[in-house]
Amino acid sequence: MAARTVRVGGLPADLPPDRVADKLTIHFLRSRNGGGEITDVQVLRDGPQACALVTFETPEVAQRVLKVKNHVLSIGGEKYPLEVTAHTAELSPDEVARRRSSRGIPTGA
């Protein structure tokens, strides 16, 4: 089953996350951007970098968004080229250890 979530990089880290989330919602609702109905937008900060996870109602919308080239977000007269990629869930080391031990695999293996 195709994923409904895309990862969006290239976001301005100096703006409030709620403003960035609002702008992303508007951008990805537009059909010209391949968008459609959105169920969730999470803006994540990692030091000077910011990215977002945008979850759509259906995997088809996410696939359309991924096919569109050159997503550009305009905020306050500035233009931010976005890097839109498929989101793959990453497990923390603790989650990996829990999964291994639940399957009977030694965590030191």
Protein backbone atom coordinates (compact mmCIF):
# COMPACT_ATOMS: atom_id res chain seq x y z
CA MET A 1 0.00 0.00 0.00
CA ALA A 2 1.36 3.42 -0.93
CA ALA A 3 2.06 5.89 1.83
CA ARG A 4 -0.13 8.92 2.43
CA THR A 5 2.67 11.04 3.95
CA VAL A 6 5.36 13.09 2.22
CA ARG A 7 8.41 14.75 3.76
CA VAL A 8 8.96 18.39 2.85
CA GLY A 9 12.42 19.94 3.22
CA GLY A 10 13.76 23.40 2.45
CA LEU A 11 11.51 25.17 4.94
CA PRO A 12 12.47 28.41 6.68
CA ALA A 13 13.50 27.58 10.25
CA ASP A 14 13.16 31.18 11.43
CA LEU A 15 9.36 31.34 11.09
CA PRO A 16 6.80 30.09 13.63
CA PRO A 17 5.87 26.45 12.94
CA ASP A 18 2.13 27.25 12.88
CA ARG A 19 2.64 29.83 10.12
CA VAL A 20 4.71 27.39 8.07
CA ALA A 21 2.06 24.68 8.60
CA ASP A 22 -0.67 27.06 7.39
CA LYS A 23 1.32 27.95 4.26
CA LEU A 24 2.04 24.29 3.53
CA THR A 25 -1.63 23.42 3.94
CA ILE A 26 -2.61 26.09 1.40
CA HIS A 27 0.15 24.98 -1.01
CA PHE A 28 -0.75 21.29 -0.89
CA LEU A 29 -4.51 21.82 -1.10
CA ARG A 30 -4.08 23.37 -4.55
CA SER A 31 -4.71 21.03 -7.47
CA ARG A 32 -1.99 22.72 -9.57
CA ASN A 33 0.51 21.44 -6.99
CA GLY A 34 -0.93 17.92 -7.26
CA GLY A 35 -2.59 18.42 -3.89
CA GLY A 36 -5.83 17.42 -2.27
CA GLU A 37 -7.36 16.88 1.14
CA ILE A 38 -4.88 16.94 4.02
CA THR A 39 -5.33 15.17 7.34
CA ASP A 40 -2.21 16.41 9.17
CA VAL A 41 0.80 18.74 8.90
CA GLN A 42 3.69 18.44 11.38
CA VAL A 43 6.54 20.95 11.24
CA LEU A 44 9.74 19.53 12.73
CA ARG A 45 12.87 21.44 13.66
CA ASP A 46 16.37 20.06 13.82
CA GLY A 47 18.67 22.93 14.69
CA PRO A 48 18.86 25.40 11.79
CA GLN A 49 16.87 23.06 9.55
CA ALA A 50 13.11 22.63 9.40
CA CYS A 51 11.07 20.00 7.60
CA ALA A 52 7.47 18.90 7.65
CA LEU A 53 5.45 15.74 7.34
CA VAL A 54 2.27 16.27 5.33
CA THR A 55 -0.32 13.49 5.46
CA PHE A 56 -3.04 13.36 2.83
CA GLU A 57 -6.42 11.63 2.96
CA THR A 58 -5.46 9.18 0.23
CA PRO A 59 -2.20 7.70 -1.10
CA GLU A 60 -3.16 8.86 -4.61
CA VAL A 61 -2.85 12.50 -3.57
CA ALA A 62 0.59 11.88 -2.06
CA GLN A 63 1.70 10.19 -5.29
CA ARG A 64 0.45 13.16 -7.37
CA VAL A 65 2.33 15.60 -5.13
CA LEU A 66 5.52 13.57 -5.53
CA LYS A 67 5.21 13.71 -9.32
CA VAL A 68 5.03 17.52 -9.42
CA LYS A 69 8.42 19.11 -10.01
CA ASN A 70 9.57 22.43 -8.54
CA HIS A 71 7.38 23.00 -5.49
CA VAL A 72 8.02 26.58 -4.31
CA LEU A 73 6.55 28.03 -1.12
CA SER A 74 6.04 31.81 -0.96
CA ILE A 75 6.01 33.40 2.48
CA GLY A 76 6.24 37.15 3.05
CA GLY A 77 7.66 37.87 -0.41
CA GLU A 78 10.36 35.21 -0.05
CA LYS A 79 10.37 32.08 -2.19
CA TYR A 80 11.53 28.76 -0.75
CA PRO A 81 12.21 25.86 -3.14
CA LEU A 82 10.89 22.72 -1.46
CA GLU A 83 12.29 19.22 -1.54
CA VAL A 84 9.31 16.84 -1.49
CA THR A 85 10.09 13.17 -0.97
CA ALA A 86 8.24 10.04 0.10
CA HIS A 87 8.25 9.70 3.88
CA THR A 88 9.68 6.50 5.26
CA ALA A 89 9.22 5.96 8.96
CA GLU A 90 12.50 5.66 10.79
CA LEU A 91 12.73 3.61 13.94
CA SER A 92 14.68 4.84 16.94
CA PRO A 93 17.31 2.45 18.37
CA ASP A 94 14.92 1.73 21.29
CA GLU A 95 12.13 0.74 18.88
CA VAL A 96 14.52 -1.55 16.97
CA ALA A 97 15.59 -3.21 20.24
CA ARG A 98 11.95 -3.70 21.31
CA ARG A 99 11.01 -5.23 17.96
CA ARG A 100 14.01 -7.57 17.99
CA SER A 101 13.33 -8.76 21.55
CA SER A 102 9.62 -9.26 20.80
CA ARG A 103 10.64 -11.62 17.95
CA GLY A 104 13.06 -13.55 20.14
CA ILE A 105 16.13 -12.07 18.47
CA PRO A 106 18.88 -11.16 20.94
CA THR A 107 19.30 -7.39 21.08
CA GLY A 108 23.09 -7.75 20.90
CA ALA A 109 22.89 -9.61 17.56
